[in-house]
Amino acid sequence: MNSNNSSGWFFLDKPIGMSSNFALQKIRRIFNNSKAGFVGTLDPLASGFLPIALGKATKIIPFIEKCDKRYIFTVKWGIKTETGDSEGKIIKECGKYPKNVDIVNTLRDFCGNIEQFPHRYSSVKINGQRAHKLARKNMKFQLKKRQIKVNHFTLINNISETLASFFVDCSAGTYVRSLAESLGDSLGTLATVVELRRIGFNNFNKKLISLDYLLSLVHSDELKRLVHPIDAVMNNVLKIQLDYIQVKKVLSGSFVQMDKQSVITNKNNFVLAKHEDNLIALGLIKDRMFHPKKLLIS
């Protein structure tokens, strides 16, 4: 397989103990150092759904970064660590462990639009530097609250007096570690995430491929079968067909007038323009005109 020409999406089941970037570099080597990128960083402690873009698919990354995500995670009550997870040093302890009924009742306060501080040990940039790097250097910095949306937040199981597992469906930019700590505060105790797995990313195909399996297929034609088409992550995006003349206008940077039906169907969201089976551009329809924002053809 000529993997240098690979373009599309690969849905990785990222293993625990590996950074998202380290996993990405391994995949790049499998595909002969093809251009690649990922969406939605997972911490080394976390496992699960990591979408990897190959080749031309990397152009779409900025347009899907704000997709909702779903996680299952386990919290340990009564401890607080520097990092908000089991990798960090314990900095506080208490002996209060919440009851099932109190947890369920409190979860209602965490659904909908809420404000959240990103965790100090996060990938948020402060004056060009990652917050977690500044935190590890014991440098002082201020994080700003951001608005997030929690669609669903439920208790899966009260595993023991000190452990509980949860499911959360939330907007991009949500820090599960911060969510767990805030839940602990509301319950009058401390909370730290000890297990975290991303199980869903928007409505993308849920069939994940392990890194070990990928490594076993190096130089195999089987790799091609595992790469999803570039538009596989855009099932909810309106697709429009351009004729040859319209394609020439788009490639020259011009707007293209659309028919009335395209305007009615579209709700001022991104649309994917195609010519026959070829992806041409991603853009917006405004005032009955298609405005290309990102060309997907070389």
Protein backbone atom coordinates (compact mmCIF):
# COMPACT_ATOMS: atom_id res chain seq x y z
CA MET A 1 0.00 0.00 0.00
CA ASN A 2 1.27 3.47 -0.88
CA SER A 3 0.48 5.02 2.50
CA ASN A 4 2.10 8.33 1.56
CA ASN A 5 -1.08 9.07 -0.43
CA SER A 6 -3.48 8.15 2.38
CA SER A 7 -6.15 10.71 3.15
CA GLY A 8 -9.01 10.10 5.55
CA TRP A 9 -9.78 9.33 9.17
CA PHE A 10 -8.57 6.71 11.53
CA PHE A 11 -10.35 6.16 14.86
CA LEU A 12 -7.76 5.06 17.39
CA ASP A 13 -8.38 3.41 20.74
CA LYS A 14 -5.61 5.27 22.56
CA PRO A 15 -4.04 3.15 25.30
CA ILE A 16 -3.45 4.31 28.87
CA GLY A 17 0.01 5.64 29.65
CA MET A 18 0.64 7.26 26.28
CA SER A 19 0.22 10.90 25.28
CA SER A 20 -1.99 11.73 22.31
CA ASN A 21 0.98 13.17 20.46
CA PHE A 22 3.12 10.07 21.06
CA ALA A 23 0.29 7.92 19.62
CA LEU A 24 0.04 10.27 16.63
CA GLN A 25 3.76 9.97 15.86
CA LYS A 26 3.53 6.17 15.93
CA ILE A 27 0.67 6.29 13.43
CA ARG A 28 2.57 8.72 11.20
CA ARG A 29 5.44 6.24 11.02
CA ILE A 30 3.03 3.43 10.11
CA PHE A 31 1.81 5.57 7.20
CA ASN A 32 5.34 6.50 6.04
CA ASN A 33 5.36 9.86 7.83
CA SER A 34 2.19 11.10 6.13
CA LYS A 35 0.80 14.43 7.24
CA ALA A 36 -1.43 13.73 10.25
CA GLY A 37 -3.15 15.34 13.22
CA PHE A 38 -5.60 14.45 15.97
CA VAL A 39 -8.73 16.04 17.41
CA GLY A 40 -9.42 16.30 21.14
CA THR A 41 -6.35 15.68 23.29
CA LEU A 42 -6.52 12.74 25.71
CA ASP A 43 -4.26 12.80 28.77
CA PRO A 44 -1.83 9.88 29.24
CA LEU A 45 -4.10 8.52 32.01
CA ALA A 46 -7.09 8.49 29.63
CA SER A 47 -7.90 5.87 27.03
CA GLY A 48 -10.33 5.61 24.17
CA PHE A 49 -11.61 7.53 21.16
CA LEU A 50 -8.90 9.61 19.45
CA PRO A 51 -9.78 10.66 15.86
CA ILE A 52 -6.67 10.82 13.66
CA ALA A 53 -6.71 12.76 10.38
CA LEU A 54 -4.42 11.68 7.55
CA GLY A 55 -3.39 13.75 4.54
CA LYS A 56 -6.09 16.11 3.24
CA ALA A 57 -8.37 15.21 6.16
CA THR A 58 -6.16 17.42 8.40
CA LYS A 59 -7.76 20.43 6.68
CA ILE A 60 -11.08 19.57 8.35
CA ILE A 61 -9.72 19.42 11.92
CA PRO A 62 -10.54 23.08 12.79
CA PHE A 63 -14.16 22.54 11.74
CA ILE A 64 -14.86 19.55 14.01
CA GLU A 65 -12.90 20.47 17.14
CA LYS A 66 -16.06 21.71 18.86
CA CYS A 67 -17.96 18.43 18.60
CA ASP A 68 -19.56 16.93 21.73
CA LYS A 69 -17.79 14.03 23.42
CA ARG A 70 -18.80 11.21 25.77
CA TYR A 71 -16.82 9.69 28.63
CA ILE A 72 -17.05 7.11 31.37
CA PHE A 73 -14.86 7.75 34.38
CA THR A 74 -14.25 6.63 37.93
CA VAL A 75 -13.84 9.00 40.87
CA LYS A 76 -12.13 8.31 44.17
CA TRP A 77 -13.72 10.27 47.01
CA GLY A 78 -11.79 11.80 49.89
CA ILE A 79 -8.57 12.76 48.08
CA LYS A 80 -7.38 15.69 45.97
CA THR A 81 -4.23 15.52 43.84
CA GLU A 82 -2.18 18.21 42.14
CA THR A 83 -3.23 17.01 38.70
CA GLY A 84 -6.82 16.00 39.44
CA ASP A 85 -6.03 12.38 38.59
CA SER A 86 -4.08 9.45 40.01
CA GLU A 87 -0.84 10.60 38.39
CA GLY A 88 -0.48 13.54 40.76
CA LYS A 89 0.70 13.84 44.34
CA ILE A 90 -2.05 13.82 46.99
CA ILE A 91 -2.35 17.33 48.44
CA LYS A 92 -5.55 16.97 50.52
CA GLU A 93 -7.53 14.20 52.18
CA CYS A 94 -10.82 13.94 54.03
CA GLY A 95 -12.91 11.11 55.42
CA LYS A 96 -16.32 12.08 54.03
CA TYR A 97 -17.80 9.78 51.37
CA PRO A 98 -21.12 10.77 49.70
CA LYS A 99 -24.22 8.59 49.64
CA ASN A 100 -25.88 7.41 46.43
CA VAL A 101 -28.97 9.61 46.85
CA ASP A 102 -26.86 12.72 47.44
CA ILE A 103 -24.74 12.05 44.35
CA VAL A 104 -27.79 11.58 42.12
CA ASN A 105 -29.48 14.73 43.43
CA THR A 106 -26.33 16.84 43.04
CA LEU A 107 -25.71 15.72 39.45
CA ARG A 108 -28.82 17.66 38.39
CA ASP A 109 -26.99 20.90 39.17
CA PHE A 110 -24.26 20.00 36.68
CA CYS A 111 -26.46 19.61 33.61
CA GLY A 112 -26.98 22.34 31.04
CA ASN A 113 -24.82 25.41 30.48
CA ILE A 114 -22.34 25.86 33.31
CA GLU A 115 -19.06 27.68 33.88
CA GLN A 116 -15.84 25.82 34.56
CA PHE A 117 -12.22 26.65 35.27
CA PRO A 118 -9.88 24.53 33.13
CA HIS A 119 -7.56 22.44 35.28
CA ARG A 120 -4.14 23.88 36.11
CA TYR A 121 -2.64 20.71 34.68
CA SER A 122 -4.27 21.12 31.27
CA SER A 123 -3.23 21.90 27.70
CA VAL A 124 -4.76 25.41 27.83
CA LYS A 125 -2.26 28.00 26.63
CA ILE A 126 -1.20 30.88 28.88
CA ASN A 127 0.79 33.47 26.92
CA GLY A 128 1.83 30.79 24.47
CA GLN A 129 2.76 28.15 27.04
CA ARG A 130 0.76 25.11 28.15
CA ALA A 131 -0.74 25.44 31.62
CA HIS A 132 0.53 22.01 32.73
CA LYS A 133 4.11 23.03 31.94
CA LEU A 134 3.78 26.21 33.99
CA ALA A 135 2.16 24.25 36.84
CA ARG A 136 5.02 21.74 36.93
CA LYS A 137 7.45 24.65 37.25
CA ASN A 138 5.40 25.99 40.20
CA MET A 139 4.78 29.21 38.30
CA LYS A 140 1.82 31.42 39.17
CA PHE A 141 -0.82 32.01 36.50
CA GLN A 142 -4.52 32.76 36.22
CA LEU A 143 -7.00 30.63 34.29
CA LYS A 144 -10.25 32.10 33.01
CA LYS A 145 -13.63 30.48 33.43
CA ARG A 146 -15.20 29.14 30.28
CA GLN A 147 -18.76 28.16 29.49
CA ILE A 148 -19.34 24.49 28.76
CA LYS A 149 -22.46 22.41 28.25
CA VAL A 150 -23.19 19.12 29.98
CA ASN A 151 -25.88 17.26 28.04
CA HIS A 152 -26.07 14.21 30.33
CA PHE A 153 -24.30 13.38 33.60
CA THR A 154 -25.28 10.17 35.33
CA LEU A 155 -24.05 7.86 38.06
CA ILE A 156 -23.27 4.42 36.61
CA ASN A 157 -22.31 2.59 39.77
CA ASN A 158 -21.41 3.19 43.39
CA ILE A 159 -18.52 0.75 43.30
CA SER A 160 -17.63 1.12 46.97
CA GLU A 161 -17.70 3.69 49.74
CA THR A 162 -14.75 5.50 48.15
CA LEU A 163 -15.28 4.82 44.44
CA ALA A 164 -18.02 5.72 41.95
CA SER A 165 -18.26 5.55 38.16
CA PHE A 166 -20.02 8.07 35.92
CA PHE A 167 -21.09 8.74 32.34
CA VAL A 168 -20.96 12.25 30.90
CA ASP A 169 -21.94 13.65 27.51
CA CYS A 170 -20.48 17.14 27.21
CA SER A 171 -19.31 19.91 24.92
CA ALA A 172 -15.79 20.37 23.65
CA GLY A 173 -13.53 22.13 26.15
CA THR A 174 -14.96 20.29 29.15
CA TYR A 175 -12.33 19.06 31.61
CA VAL A 176 -13.59 15.90 33.28
CA ARG A 177 -11.03 16.27 36.09
CA SER A 178 -12.37 19.75 36.89
CA LEU A 179 -15.93 18.43 36.66
CA ALA A 180 -15.12 15.67 39.17
CA GLU A 181 -13.45 18.11 41.57
CA SER A 182 -16.44 20.48 41.38
CA LEU A 183 -18.81 17.57 42.03
CA GLY A 184 -16.76 16.66 45.09
CA ASP A 185 -16.92 20.25 46.35
CA SER A 186 -20.71 20.30 45.95
CA LEU A 187 -20.94 17.06 47.95
CA GLY A 188 -18.76 18.45 50.71
CA THR A 189 -15.84 16.17 49.98
CA LEU A 190 -12.83 15.79 47.67
CA ALA A 191 -12.71 13.92 44.37
CA THR A 192 -10.01 12.69 42.00
CA VAL A 193 -10.39 10.90 38.66
CA VAL A 194 -8.67 7.51 38.76
CA GLU A 195 -9.96 6.11 35.44
CA LEU A 196 -11.09 7.95 32.31
CA ARG A 197 -12.18 6.63 28.93
CA ARG A 198 -13.64 8.52 25.98
CA ILE A 199 -16.32 6.35 24.41
CA GLY A 200 -17.86 8.70 21.88
CA PHE A 201 -17.00 11.64 19.64
CA ASN A 202 -19.96 13.38 18.01
CA ASN A 203 -21.68 10.75 15.82
CA PHE A 204 -18.44 9.30 14.40
CA ASN A 205 -18.11 5.58 13.72
CA LYS A 206 -17.63 3.87 17.11
CA LYS A 207 -15.45 1.03 15.83
CA LEU A 208 -12.03 1.83 17.29
CA ILE A 209 -8.74 0.23 16.28
CA SER A 210 -6.01 -0.56 18.80
CA LEU A 211 -2.46 0.66 18.27
CA ASP A 212 -1.11 -2.87 18.69
CA TYR A 213 -3.35 -4.12 15.87
CA LEU A 214 -2.22 -1.24 13.66
CA LEU A 215 1.44 -2.04 14.30
CA SER A 216 0.81 -5.64 13.27
CA LEU A 217 -0.44 -4.44 9.86
CA VAL A 218 2.59 -2.33 8.87
CA HIS A 219 3.24 -2.68 5.10
CA SER A 220 -0.09 -4.51 4.70
CA ASP A 221 -2.84 -3.57 2.24
CA GLU A 222 -5.24 -4.15 5.15
CA LEU A 223 -4.33 -0.65 6.42
CA LYS A 224 -6.28 0.96 3.59
CA ARG A 225 -9.51 -0.73 4.74
CA LEU A 226 -9.21 0.90 8.17
CA VAL A 227 -9.05 4.47 6.85
CA HIS A 228 -12.46 6.16 6.68
CA PRO A 229 -13.23 8.69 3.89
CA ILE A 230 -12.45 12.36 4.51
CA ASP A 231 -16.14 13.24 4.89
CA ALA A 232 -16.83 10.36 7.34
CA VAL A 233 -16.79 12.90 10.19
CA MET A 234 -19.33 15.14 8.49
CA ASN A 235 -22.49 13.02 8.38
CA ASN A 236 -24.60 15.91 9.67
CA VAL A 237 -23.15 18.43 7.22
CA LEU A 238 -25.20 19.40 4.17
CA LYS A 239 -23.54 18.28 0.94
CA ILE A 240 -24.03 20.24 -2.26
CA GLN A 241 -23.07 19.36 -5.83
CA LEU A 242 -21.14 21.81 -7.99
CA ASP A 243 -20.91 21.67 -11.77
CA TYR A 244 -17.63 22.05 -13.63
CA ILE A 245 -17.97 25.84 -14.08
CA GLN A 246 -18.77 26.31 -10.38
CA VAL A 247 -15.74 24.23 -9.41
CA LYS A 248 -13.49 26.48 -11.52
CA LYS A 249 -14.91 29.54 -9.72
CA VAL A 250 -14.34 28.00 -6.28
CA LEU A 251 -10.75 27.04 -7.14
CA SER A 252 -10.09 30.62 -8.22
CA GLY A 253 -11.40 31.91 -4.89
CA SER A 254 -14.76 33.17 -6.14
CA PHE A 255 -18.18 32.81 -4.55
CA VAL A 256 -20.74 30.59 -6.26
CA GLN A 257 -24.45 31.36 -6.56
CA MET A 258 -26.64 28.49 -5.31
CA ASP A 259 -30.16 27.49 -6.13
CA LYS A 260 -33.05 28.30 -3.78
CA GLN A 261 -33.33 24.75 -2.40
CA SER A 262 -29.73 24.80 -1.14
CA VAL A 263 -30.41 28.04 0.70
CA ILE A 264 -33.59 26.74 2.31
CA THR A 265 -32.02 23.45 3.41
CA ASN A 266 -28.93 25.04 4.89
CA LYS A 267 -29.15 26.84 8.25
CA ASN A 268 -26.04 28.98 7.88
CA ASN A 269 -23.82 26.08 8.98
CA PHE A 270 -20.89 24.64 7.09
CA VAL A 271 -21.61 22.79 3.89
CA LEU A 272 -19.46 20.36 1.93
CA ALA A 273 -19.19 21.05 -1.78
CA LYS A 274 -18.59 18.11 -4.12
CA HIS A 275 -18.20 17.57 -7.84
CA GLU A 276 -19.50 14.09 -8.58
CA ASP A 277 -17.62 11.96 -5.99
CA ASN A 278 -14.76 14.42 -5.43
CA LEU A 279 -14.61 16.70 -2.39
CA ILE A 280 -13.98 20.27 -3.47
CA ALA A 281 -14.35 22.63 -0.51
CA LEU A 282 -15.87 23.30 2.87
CA GLY A 283 -17.70 26.59 3.22
CA LEU A 284 -20.81 28.56 4.11
CA ILE A 285 -23.93 29.60 2.24
CA LYS A 286 -24.78 33.25 2.81
CA ASP A 287 -27.19 35.35 0.79
CA ARG A 288 -27.68 32.45 -1.64
CA MET A 289 -23.96 32.30 -2.32
CA PHE A 290 -21.53 29.51 -1.45
CA HIS A 291 -18.44 30.99 0.24
CA PRO A 292 -15.54 28.48 0.24
CA LYS A 293 -13.51 28.52 3.46
CA LYS A 294 -11.19 25.56 2.97
CA LEU A 295 -10.26 23.86 -0.29
CA LEU A 296 -10.14 20.07 -0.07
CA ILE A 297 -8.72 19.44 -3.50
CA SER A 298 -5.06 19.83 -4.43
